[in-house]
Amino acid sequence: MRDAPIRLRAPRRWGQNFLVNQGAADTIVIAFRPLPSDLVLEIGPGRAALTRRLAGRVSKLVAVEIDSALVAALREELRAAPSVEIVEADVLELDLRSLIEGLGATAERRARVIANLPYSIATTVILRLIEERALLSDLLVLVQREVAERIASPPGHKAYGGLSVLCQARAHVETLLRLRPGSFRPVPKVESVLVRLRLRTHEDEAAGTAVAPGALEALLRTAFAQRRKTLLNNLAHLPGSRGVPIGARTAAVLIQRAGLDPGARPEDVPVHGFLALLRHLEAL
């Protein structure tokens, strides 16, 4: 199967850039470390560069592809692999929880994700997948270099922001591989980076990183609304329980209880600082 790559053009409306660097595909699968017991969700199989390398090496592989022509070609090429299922769908419109449960994933046997994500939807897809961490153990994703830098950035860097905090609060993040544009067809204008996110279990979060659904996102939107302003100035505009901004006085109390500097800028606040802010905000 590896000697017969699928050759189809990528419709521009979906922003697909197919991985054609065979050595890189081998490296990515090695980094994924597939096991015979794995339940795997692949998003955007495209021309099957990763799919054909995983077929037969894992317990079950469900690949989600939006392009109907590619779906037909994938099903034809992989028809002899009974453990592989090709789903024709837009991942942004799928019920991910039902799809992952359909793989057979449970809290005791979480599924895994591998993906070469279109640049335009990478952030949205990653954040949706992270929310399913009760059923997912890890993500290995190829994304635009800029997105990878935002996901993995430490505090104090220009790339550090809400996406950094959201991902690092819910996963251990590491960057593994940088690929030049020539590794893809059509050739993009930017480099891509392979990122691994090992998702924290809810038990881990109960030890100090648990957050209410949507609460951390709301806090970060306000905190990073104006990056050059201080944490105190930004959090004064944070909506309270009735939707009214909490004001500077309450924001100062909140920041003090979290053990943070009110004069700090949001990009200097570490992940644990935002989680402390959230805990004390809920207490207030």
C-alpha atoms as a PDB file:
ATOM      1  CA  MET A   1       0.000   0.000   0.000  1.00  0.00           C
ATOM      2  CA  ARG A   2       2.849   2.379   0.705  1.00  0.00           C
ATOM      3  CA  ASP A   3       4.027   2.269  -2.929  1.00  0.00           C
ATOM      4  CA  ALA A   4       0.755   3.511  -4.423  1.00  0.00           C
ATOM      5  CA  PRO A   5       0.086   7.041  -3.144  1.00  0.00           C
ATOM      6  CA  ILE A   6      -3.281   8.579  -3.905  1.00  0.00           C
ATOM      7  CA  ARG A   7      -2.932  11.359  -6.481  1.00  0.00           C
ATOM      8  CA  LEU A   8      -5.752  13.865  -6.416  1.00  0.00           C
ATOM      9  CA  ARG A   9      -5.836  17.639  -6.435  1.00  0.00           C
ATOM     10  CA  ALA A  10      -6.762  19.434  -3.237  1.00  0.00           C
ATOM     11  CA  PRO A  11      -9.799  21.725  -3.534  1.00  0.00           C
ATOM     12  CA  ARG A  12      -8.633  25.192  -2.469  1.00  0.00           C
ATOM     13  CA  ARG A  13     -11.736  25.761  -0.350  1.00  0.00           C
ATOM     14  CA  TRP A  14     -10.537  23.217   2.217  1.00  0.00           C
ATOM     15  CA  GLY A  15      -6.974  24.489   2.505  1.00  0.00           C
ATOM     16  CA  GLN A  16      -5.434  21.031   2.428  1.00  0.00           C
ATOM     17  CA  ASN A  17      -1.668  20.602   2.105  1.00  0.00           C
ATOM     18  CA  PHE A  18      -0.882  16.923   1.639  1.00  0.00           C
ATOM     19  CA  LEU A  19       2.229  15.459   3.246  1.00  0.00           C
ATOM     20  CA  VAL A  20       4.440  14.045   0.471  1.00  0.00           C
ATOM     21  CA  ASN A  21       7.737  13.769   2.352  1.00  0.00           C
ATOM     22  CA  GLN A  22       7.857  10.011   2.906  1.00  0.00           C
ATOM     23  CA  GLY A  23      10.758  10.197   5.348  1.00  0.00           C
ATOM     24  CA  ALA A  24       8.844  12.719   7.439  1.00  0.00           C
ATOM     25  CA  ALA A  25       5.773  10.477   7.378  1.00  0.00           C
ATOM     26  CA  ASP A  26       7.884   7.609   8.727  1.00  0.00           C
ATOM     27  CA  THR A  27       9.301   9.880  11.446  1.00  0.00           C
ATOM     28  CA  ILE A  28       5.835  11.067  12.475  1.00  0.00           C
ATOM     29  CA  VAL A  29       4.511   7.529  12.858  1.00  0.00           C
ATOM     30  CA  ILE A  30       7.610   6.530  14.825  1.00  0.00           C
ATOM     31  CA  ALA A  31       6.995   9.520  17.114  1.00  0.00           C
ATOM     32  CA  PHE A  32       3.354   8.457  17.473  1.00  0.00           C
ATOM     33  CA  ARG A  33       4.474   5.030  18.739  1.00  0.00           C
ATOM     34  CA  PRO A  34       1.413   3.028  17.653  1.00  0.00           C
ATOM     35  CA  LEU A  35       0.524  -0.025  19.712  1.00  0.00           C
ATOM     36  CA  PRO A  36      -1.643  -2.999  18.670  1.00  0.00           C
ATOM     37  CA  SER A  37      -4.164  -2.084  21.375  1.00  0.00           C
ATOM     38  CA  ASP A  38      -4.549   1.580  20.296  1.00  0.00           C
ATOM     39  CA  LEU A  39      -7.819   3.175  19.276  1.00  0.00           C
ATOM     40  CA  VAL A  40      -6.861   5.958  16.862  1.00  0.00           C
ATOM     41  CA  LEU A  41      -8.728   8.906  15.371  1.00  0.00           C
ATOM     42  CA  GLU A  42      -7.039  10.487  12.355  1.00  0.00           C
ATOM     43  CA  ILE A  43      -8.248  13.858  11.131  1.00  0.00           C
ATOM     44  CA  GLY A  44      -7.526  14.810   7.535  1.00  0.00           C
ATOM     45  CA  PRO A  45      -5.944  11.618   6.143  1.00  0.00           C
ATOM     46  CA  GLY A  46      -5.694  13.244   2.711  1.00  0.00           C
ATOM     47  CA  ARG A  47      -3.641  10.968   0.483  1.00  0.00           C
ATOM     48  CA  ALA A  48      -3.079   8.445   3.278  1.00  0.00           C
ATOM     49  CA  ALA A  49       0.593   9.202   3.990  1.00  0.00           C
ATOM     50  CA  LEU A  50       0.012   8.446   7.676  1.00  0.00           C
ATOM     51  CA  THR A  51      -3.067   6.244   7.321  1.00  0.00           C
ATOM     52  CA  ARG A  52      -1.382   3.511   5.310  1.00  0.00           C
ATOM     53  CA  ARG A  53       1.484   3.421   7.816  1.00  0.00           C
ATOM     54  CA  LEU A  54      -0.940   2.926  10.709  1.00  0.00           C
ATOM     55  CA  ALA A  55      -3.295   0.466   9.039  1.00  0.00           C
ATOM     56  CA  GLY A  56      -2.922  -2.962  10.593  1.00  0.00           C
ATOM     57  CA  ARG A  57      -0.699  -1.662  13.409  1.00  0.00           C
ATOM     58  CA  VAL A  58      -3.474  -0.491  15.740  1.00  0.00           C
ATOM     59  CA  SER A  59      -6.661  -2.057  17.045  1.00  0.00           C
ATOM     60  CA  LYS A  60      -8.945   0.409  15.256  1.00  0.00           C
ATOM     61  CA  LEU A  61      -8.362   3.464  13.097  1.00  0.00           C
ATOM     62  CA  VAL A  62     -11.124   5.908  12.166  1.00  0.00           C
ATOM     63  CA  ALA A  63     -10.074   8.559   9.665  1.00  0.00           C
ATOM     64  CA  VAL A  64     -12.247  11.639   9.064  1.00  0.00           C
ATOM     65  CA  GLU A  65     -11.982  13.202   5.587  1.00  0.00           C
ATOM     66  CA  ILE A  66     -14.134  15.976   4.114  1.00  0.00           C
ATOM     67  CA  ASP A  67     -13.253  15.462   0.417  1.00  0.00           C
ATOM     68  CA  SER A  68     -15.617  12.908  -1.156  1.00  0.00           C
ATOM     69  CA  ALA A  69     -13.151  12.061  -3.955  1.00  0.00           C
ATOM     70  CA  LEU A  70     -10.440  11.354  -1.416  1.00  0.00           C
ATOM     71  CA  VAL A  71     -12.859   9.308   0.674  1.00  0.00           C
ATOM     72  CA  ALA A  72     -13.565   7.039  -2.300  1.00  0.00           C
ATOM     73  CA  ALA A  73      -9.844   6.656  -3.036  1.00  0.00           C
ATOM     74  CA  LEU A  74      -9.013   5.971   0.614  1.00  0.00           C
ATOM     75  CA  ARG A  75     -11.720   3.337   0.911  1.00  0.00           C
ATOM     76  CA  GLU A  76     -10.467   1.647  -2.249  1.00  0.00           C
ATOM     77  CA  GLU A  77      -6.821   1.636  -1.163  1.00  0.00           C
ATOM     78  CA  LEU A  78      -7.559   0.499   2.385  1.00  0.00           C
ATOM     79  CA  ARG A  79     -10.351  -1.959   1.631  1.00  0.00           C
ATOM     80  CA  ALA A  80      -8.135  -4.866   2.741  1.00  0.00           C
ATOM     81  CA  ALA A  81      -7.621  -3.298   6.186  1.00  0.00           C
ATOM     82  CA  PRO A  82     -10.730  -4.241   8.211  1.00  0.00           C
ATOM     83  CA  SER A  83      -9.585  -2.244  11.238  1.00  0.00           C
ATOM     84  CA  VAL A  84      -9.713   1.018   9.234  1.00  0.00           C
ATOM     85  CA  GLU A  85     -12.891   3.055   8.786  1.00  0.00           C
ATOM     86  CA  ILE A  86     -13.051   6.152   6.574  1.00  0.00           C
ATOM     87  CA  VAL A  87     -15.698   8.675   7.656  1.00  0.00           C
ATOM     88  CA  GLU A  88     -16.764  11.342   5.176  1.00  0.00           C
ATOM     89  CA  ALA A  89     -17.482  14.442   7.258  1.00  0.00           C
ATOM     90  CA  ASP A  90     -16.458  17.966   8.208  1.00  0.00           C
ATOM     91  CA  VAL A  91     -14.705  17.576  11.551  1.00  0.00           C
ATOM     92  CA  LEU A  92     -16.025  20.993  12.622  1.00  0.00           C
ATOM     93  CA  GLU A  93     -19.589  19.729  12.309  1.00  0.00           C
ATOM     94  CA  LEU A  94     -19.080  16.293  13.866  1.00  0.00           C
ATOM     95  CA  ASP A  95     -20.232  15.224  17.291  1.00  0.00           C
ATOM     96  CA  LEU A  96     -16.721  14.366  18.448  1.00  0.00           C
ATOM     97  CA  ARG A  97     -17.850  12.739  21.667  1.00  0.00           C
ATOM     98  CA  SER A  98     -20.067  10.264  19.792  1.00  0.00           C
ATOM     99  CA  LEU A  99     -17.350   9.581  17.222  1.00  0.00           C
ATOM    100  CA  ILE A 100     -14.743   8.853  19.901  1.00  0.00           C
ATOM    101  CA  GLU A 101     -17.150   6.681  21.869  1.00  0.00           C
ATOM    102  CA  GLY A 102     -17.870   4.834  18.625  1.00  0.00           C
ATOM    103  CA  LEU A 103     -14.179   3.955  18.470  1.00  0.00           C
ATOM    104  CA  GLY A 104     -14.701   2.121  21.740  1.00  0.00           C
ATOM    105  CA  ALA A 105     -12.936   4.697  23.909  1.00  0.00           C
ATOM    106  CA  THR A 106     -13.690   4.878  27.618  1.00  0.00           C
ATOM    107  CA  ALA A 107     -12.171   6.610  30.618  1.00  0.00           C
ATOM    108  CA  GLU A 108     -10.160   3.436  31.219  1.00  0.00           C
ATOM    109  CA  ARG A 109      -9.114   3.029  27.579  1.00  0.00           C
ATOM    110  CA  ARG A 110      -8.721   6.438  26.033  1.00  0.00           C
ATOM    111  CA  ALA A 111      -8.293   6.903  22.290  1.00  0.00           C
ATOM    112  CA  ARG A 112      -5.448   8.731  20.542  1.00  0.00           C
ATOM    113  CA  VAL A 113      -5.412  11.364  17.777  1.00  0.00           C
ATOM    114  CA  ILE A 114      -3.052  11.919  14.857  1.00  0.00           C
ATOM    115  CA  ALA A 115      -3.665  14.684  12.327  1.00  0.00           C
ATOM    116  CA  ASN A 116      -2.247  16.867   9.594  1.00  0.00           C
ATOM    117  CA  LEU A 117      -4.585  19.798  10.193  1.00  0.00           C
ATOM    118  CA  PRO A 118      -5.514  22.448   7.613  1.00  0.00           C
ATOM    119  CA  TYR A 119      -4.027  25.699   8.870  1.00  0.00           C
ATOM    120  CA  SER A 120      -7.343  27.555   8.857  1.00  0.00           C
ATOM    121  CA  ILE A 121      -9.039  25.223  11.347  1.00  0.00           C
ATOM    122  CA  ALA A 122      -6.111  23.874  13.390  1.00  0.00           C
ATOM    123  CA  THR A 123      -6.702  25.964  16.523  1.00  0.00           C
ATOM    124  CA  THR A 124     -10.437  25.279  16.579  1.00  0.00           C
ATOM    125  CA  VAL A 125      -9.980  21.537  16.127  1.00  0.00           C
ATOM    126  CA  ILE A 126      -7.283  21.269  18.808  1.00  0.00           C
ATOM    127  CA  LEU A 127      -9.390  23.133  21.365  1.00  0.00           C
ATOM    128  CA  ARG A 128     -12.393  20.916  20.597  1.00  0.00           C
ATOM    129  CA  LEU A 129     -10.287  17.776  20.968  1.00  0.00           C
ATOM    130  CA  ILE A 130      -8.832  18.941  24.271  1.00  0.00           C
ATOM    131  CA  GLU A 131     -12.354  19.221  25.655  1.00  0.00           C
ATOM    132  CA  GLU A 132     -12.761  15.476  25.026  1.00  0.00           C
ATOM    133  CA  ARG A 133      -9.774  14.574  27.217  1.00  0.00           C
ATOM    134  CA  ALA A 134     -11.930  12.266  29.330  1.00  0.00           C
ATOM    135  CA  LEU A 135     -11.831   9.936  26.299  1.00  0.00           C
ATOM    136  CA  LEU A 136      -8.555  11.008  24.622  1.00  0.00           C
ATOM    137  CA  SER A 137      -5.045  10.440  25.947  1.00  0.00           C
ATOM    138  CA  ASP A 138      -2.876  12.358  23.485  1.00  0.00           C
ATOM    139  CA  LEU A 139      -2.796  14.351  20.255  1.00  0.00           C
ATOM    140  CA  LEU A 140      -0.013  14.354  17.664  1.00  0.00           C
ATOM    141  CA  VAL A 141      -0.743  17.159  15.215  1.00  0.00           C
ATOM    142  CA  LEU A 142       0.982  18.876  12.313  1.00  0.00           C
ATOM    143  CA  VAL A 143       0.180  22.579  12.413  1.00  0.00           C
ATOM    144  CA  GLN A 144       1.435  25.869  11.047  1.00  0.00           C
ATOM    145  CA  ARG A 145       4.657  26.945  12.768  1.00  0.00           C
ATOM    146  CA  GLU A 146       3.014  30.082  14.179  1.00  0.00           C
ATOM    147  CA  VAL A 147       0.261  28.023  15.812  1.00  0.00           C
ATOM    148  CA  ALA A 148       2.796  25.588  17.261  1.00  0.00           C
ATOM    149  CA  GLU A 149       4.737  28.488  18.771  1.00  0.00           C
ATOM    150  CA  ARG A 150       1.582  29.868  20.362  1.00  0.00           C
ATOM    151  CA  ILE A 151       0.623  26.479  21.789  1.00  0.00           C
ATOM    152  CA  ALA A 152       4.060  25.785  23.291  1.00  0.00           C
ATOM    153  CA  SER A 153       5.220  29.294  24.229  1.00  0.00           C
ATOM    154  CA  PRO A 154       6.363  29.952  27.800  1.00  0.00           C
ATOM    155  CA  PRO A 155       5.359  33.171  29.599  1.00  0.00           C
ATOM    156  CA  GLY A 156       7.226  36.319  28.682  1.00  0.00           C
ATOM    157  CA  HIS A 157       7.297  35.618  24.950  1.00  0.00           C
ATOM    158  CA  LYS A 158       5.377  37.395  22.213  1.00  0.00           C
ATOM    159  CA  ALA A 159       3.645  34.165  21.152  1.00  0.00           C
ATOM    160  CA  TYR A 160       2.328  33.500  24.675  1.00  0.00           C
ATOM    161  CA  GLY A 161      -1.384  34.087  24.996  1.00  0.00           C
ATOM    162  CA  GLY A 162      -4.753  32.527  25.625  1.00  0.00           C
ATOM    163  CA  LEU A 163      -4.085  29.515  23.384  1.00  0.00           C
ATOM    164  CA  SER A 164      -0.840  28.804  25.259  1.00  0.00           C
ATOM    165  CA  VAL A 165      -2.633  28.813  28.602  1.00  0.00           C
ATOM    166  CA  LEU A 166      -5.594  26.734  27.427  1.00  0.00           C
ATOM    167  CA  CYS A 167      -3.366  24.024  25.949  1.00  0.00           C
ATOM    168  CA  GLN A 168      -0.771  23.945  28.723  1.00  0.00           C
ATOM    169  CA  ALA A 169      -3.417  23.911  31.472  1.00  0.00           C
ATOM    170  CA  ARG A 170      -4.925  20.786  29.973  1.00  0.00           C
ATOM    171  CA  ALA A 171      -1.936  19.010  28.433  1.00  0.00           C
ATOM    172  CA  HIS A 172       1.797  18.526  28.560  1.00  0.00           C
ATOM    173  CA  VAL A 173       3.013  20.124  25.320  1.00  0.00           C
ATOM    174  CA  GLU A 174       6.143  19.410  23.304  1.00  0.00           C
ATOM    175  CA  THR A 175       7.264  20.260  19.775  1.00  0.00           C
ATOM    176  CA  LEU A 176       8.983  17.442  17.917  1.00  0.00           C
ATOM    177  CA  LEU A 177       9.684  18.179  14.265  1.00  0.00           C
ATOM    178  CA  ARG A 178       9.787  21.138  11.891  1.00  0.00           C
ATOM    179  CA  LEU A 179       8.941  20.576   8.230  1.00  0.00           C
ATOM    180  CA  ARG A 180       9.753  22.914   5.363  1.00  0.00           C
ATOM    181  CA  PRO A 181       7.032  23.900   2.879  1.00  0.00           C
ATOM    182  CA  GLY A 182       8.445  21.510   0.256  1.00  0.00           C
ATOM    183  CA  SER A 183       7.274  18.561   2.356  1.00  0.00           C
ATOM    184  CA  PHE A 184       3.694  19.271   1.230  1.00  0.00           C
ATOM    185  CA  ARG A 185       1.630  19.591  -1.928  1.00  0.00           C
ATOM    186  CA  PRO A 186       0.351  22.137  -2.706  1.00  0.00           C
ATOM    187  CA  VAL A 187       3.407  23.876  -1.260  1.00  0.00           C
ATOM    188  CA  PRO A 188       2.351  26.227   1.566  1.00  0.00           C
ATOM    189  CA  LYS A 189       4.058  29.535   2.275  1.00  0.00           C
ATOM    190  CA  VAL A 190       4.950  28.632   5.847  1.00  0.00           C
ATOM    191  CA  GLU A 191       6.700  25.895   7.791  1.00  0.00           C
ATOM    192  CA  SER A 192       4.846  23.239   9.744  1.00  0.00           C
ATOM    193  CA  VAL A 193       5.639  21.827  13.172  1.00  0.00           C
ATOM    194  CA  LEU A 194       4.701  18.510  14.751  1.00  0.00           C
ATOM    195  CA  VAL A 195       3.254  19.032  18.239  1.00  0.00           C
ATOM    196  CA  ARG A 196       2.446  16.418  20.857  1.00  0.00           C
ATOM    197  CA  LEU A 197      -0.137  17.146  23.559  1.00  0.00           C
ATOM    198  CA  ARG A 198      -0.393  14.589  26.351  1.00  0.00           C
ATOM    199  CA  LEU A 199      -3.793  15.356  27.799  1.00  0.00           C
ATOM    200  CA  ARG A 200      -4.234  15.573  31.535  1.00  0.00           C
ATOM    201  CA  THR A 201      -6.880  13.350  33.060  1.00  0.00           C
ATOM    202  CA  HIS A 202      -9.649  14.889  35.151  1.00  0.00           C
ATOM    203  CA  GLU A 203      -8.001  13.255  38.163  1.00  0.00           C
ATOM    204  CA  ASP A 204      -4.857  15.269  37.403  1.00  0.00           C
ATOM    205  CA  GLU A 205      -6.940  18.410  37.115  1.00  0.00           C
ATOM    206  CA  ALA A 206      -8.605  17.737  40.441  1.00  0.00           C
ATOM    207  CA  ALA A 207      -5.159  18.095  41.973  1.00  0.00           C
ATOM    208  CA  GLY A 208      -4.932  21.714  40.924  1.00  0.00           C
ATOM    209  CA  THR A 209      -5.870  22.426  37.323  1.00  0.00           C
ATOM    210  CA  ALA A 210      -9.632  21.810  37.309  1.00  0.00           C
ATOM    211  CA  VAL A 211     -11.701  24.530  35.659  1.00  0.00           C
ATOM    212  CA  ALA A 212     -15.413  24.963  34.990  1.00  0.00           C
ATOM    213  CA  PRO A 213     -16.413  24.641  31.306  1.00  0.00           C
ATOM    214  CA  GLY A 214     -15.825  27.946  29.535  1.00  0.00           C
ATOM    215  CA  ALA A 215     -14.627  29.758  32.677  1.00  0.00           C
ATOM    216  CA  LEU A 216     -10.946  29.755  31.808  1.00  0.00           C
ATOM    217  CA  GLU A 217     -11.691  30.867  28.250  1.00  0.00           C
ATOM    218  CA  ALA A 218     -13.712  33.833  29.532  1.00  0.00           C
ATOM    219  CA  LEU A 219     -10.961  34.843  31.948  1.00  0.00           C
ATOM    220  CA  LEU A 220      -8.308  34.679  29.231  1.00  0.00           C
ATOM    221  CA  ARG A 221     -10.355  36.695  26.737  1.00  0.00           C
ATOM    222  CA  THR A 222     -10.511  39.534  29.231  1.00  0.00           C
ATOM    223  CA  ALA A 223      -6.928  39.182  30.467  1.00  0.00           C
ATOM    224  CA  PHE A 224      -5.454  39.300  26.958  1.00  0.00           C
ATOM    225  CA  ALA A 225      -7.964  41.765  25.490  1.00  0.00           C
ATOM    226  CA  GLN A 226      -5.322  44.510  25.567  1.00  0.00           C
ATOM    227  CA  ARG A 227      -1.912  42.938  25.829  1.00  0.00           C
ATOM    228  CA  ARG A 228      -0.017  46.150  26.586  1.00  0.00           C
ATOM    229  CA  LYS A 229      -2.184  47.017  29.576  1.00  0.00           C
ATOM    230  CA  THR A 230      -1.568  45.642  33.043  1.00  0.00           C
ATOM    231  CA  LEU A 231      -3.292  42.623  34.482  1.00  0.00           C
ATOM    232  CA  LEU A 232      -5.177  44.897  36.895  1.00  0.00           C
ATOM    233  CA  ASN A 233      -6.449  47.181  34.135  1.00  0.00           C
ATOM    234  CA  ASN A 234      -7.665  44.272  32.050  1.00  0.00           C
ATOM    235  CA  LEU A 235      -9.260  42.244  34.831  1.00  0.00           C
ATOM    236  CA  ALA A 236     -11.219  45.265  36.056  1.00  0.00           C
ATOM    237  CA  HIS A 237     -13.373  44.654  32.949  1.00  0.00           C
ATOM    238  CA  LEU A 238     -13.963  40.982  33.798  1.00  0.00           C
ATOM    239  CA  PRO A 239     -17.726  40.267  33.914  1.00  0.00           C
ATOM    240  CA  GLY A 240     -18.984  39.251  37.356  1.00  0.00           C
ATOM    241  CA  SER A 241     -21.785  36.839  38.200  1.00  0.00           C
ATOM    242  CA  ARG A 242     -24.430  39.271  36.889  1.00  0.00           C
ATOM    243  CA  GLY A 243     -22.474  40.319  33.830  1.00  0.00           C
ATOM    244  CA  VAL A 244     -21.337  43.607  35.404  1.00  0.00           C
ATOM    245  CA  PRO A 245     -17.534  44.250  35.344  1.00  0.00           C
ATOM    246  CA  ILE A 246     -15.959  43.451  38.691  1.00  0.00           C
ATOM    247  CA  GLY A 247     -14.062  46.761  38.784  1.00  0.00           C
ATOM    248  CA  ALA A 248     -10.535  47.675  39.836  1.00  0.00           C
ATOM    249  CA  ARG A 249     -11.018  47.124  43.569  1.00  0.00           C
ATOM    250  CA  THR A 250     -12.290  43.557  43.228  1.00  0.00           C
ATOM    251  CA  ALA A 251      -9.716  42.846  40.534  1.00  0.00           C
ATOM    252  CA  ALA A 252      -6.961  43.976  42.901  1.00  0.00           C
ATOM    253  CA  VAL A 253      -8.237  41.636  45.628  1.00  0.00           C
ATOM    254  CA  LEU A 254      -8.446  38.787  43.133  1.00  0.00           C
ATOM    255  CA  ILE A 255      -4.889  39.355  41.905  1.00  0.00           C
ATOM    256  CA  GLN A 256      -3.534  39.654  45.436  1.00  0.00           C
ATOM    257  CA  ARG A 257      -5.161  36.392  46.533  1.00  0.00           C
ATOM    258  CA  ALA A 258      -3.709  34.656  43.493  1.00  0.00           C
ATOM    259  CA  GLY A 259      -0.246  35.849  44.524  1.00  0.00           C
ATOM    260  CA  LEU A 260       0.336  37.838  41.342  1.00  0.00           C
ATOM    261  CA  ASP A 261       1.701  41.293  40.542  1.00  0.00           C
ATOM    262  CA  PRO A 262      -1.146  43.662  39.559  1.00  0.00           C
ATOM    263  CA  GLY A 263       1.313  45.622  37.423  1.00  0.00           C
ATOM    264  CA  ALA A 264       2.317  42.589  35.378  1.00  0.00           C
ATOM    265  CA  ARG A 265       1.253  42.312  31.772  1.00  0.00           C
ATOM    266  CA  PRO A 266      -0.824  39.241  30.875  1.00  0.00           C
ATOM    267  CA  GLU A 267       1.940  37.665  28.781  1.00  0.00           C
ATOM    268  CA  ASP A 268       4.122  37.524  31.915  1.00  0.00           C
ATOM    269  CA  VAL A 269       1.589  35.550  33.987  1.00  0.00           C
ATOM    270  CA  PRO A 270       2.309  31.794  34.054  1.00  0.00           C
ATOM    271  CA  VAL A 271      -0.330  29.144  33.485  1.00  0.00           C
ATOM    272  CA  HIS A 272      -0.624  28.337  37.183  1.00  0.00           C
ATOM    273  CA  GLY A 273      -1.205  32.046  37.828  1.00  0.00           C
ATOM    274  CA  PHE A 274      -4.261  32.097  35.591  1.00  0.00           C
ATOM    275  CA  LEU A 275      -5.569  28.943  37.220  1.00  0.00           C
ATOM    276  CA  ALA A 276      -5.107  30.551  40.641  1.00  0.00           C
ATOM    277  CA  LEU A 277      -6.997  33.618  39.398  1.00  0.00           C
ATOM    278  CA  LEU A 278      -9.829  31.394  38.250  1.00  0.00           C
ATOM    279  CA  ARG A 279     -10.092  29.560  41.559  1.00  0.00           C
ATOM    280  CA  HIS A 280     -10.190  32.795  43.553  1.00  0.00           C
ATOM    281  CA  LEU A 281     -12.612  34.382  41.097  1.00  0.00           C
ATOM    282  CA  GLU A 282     -15.076  31.537  41.661  1.00  0.00           C
ATOM    283  CA  ALA A 283     -14.598  31.902  45.434  1.00  0.00           C
ATOM    284  CA  LEU A 284     -15.351  35.634  45.223  1.00  0.00           C
END
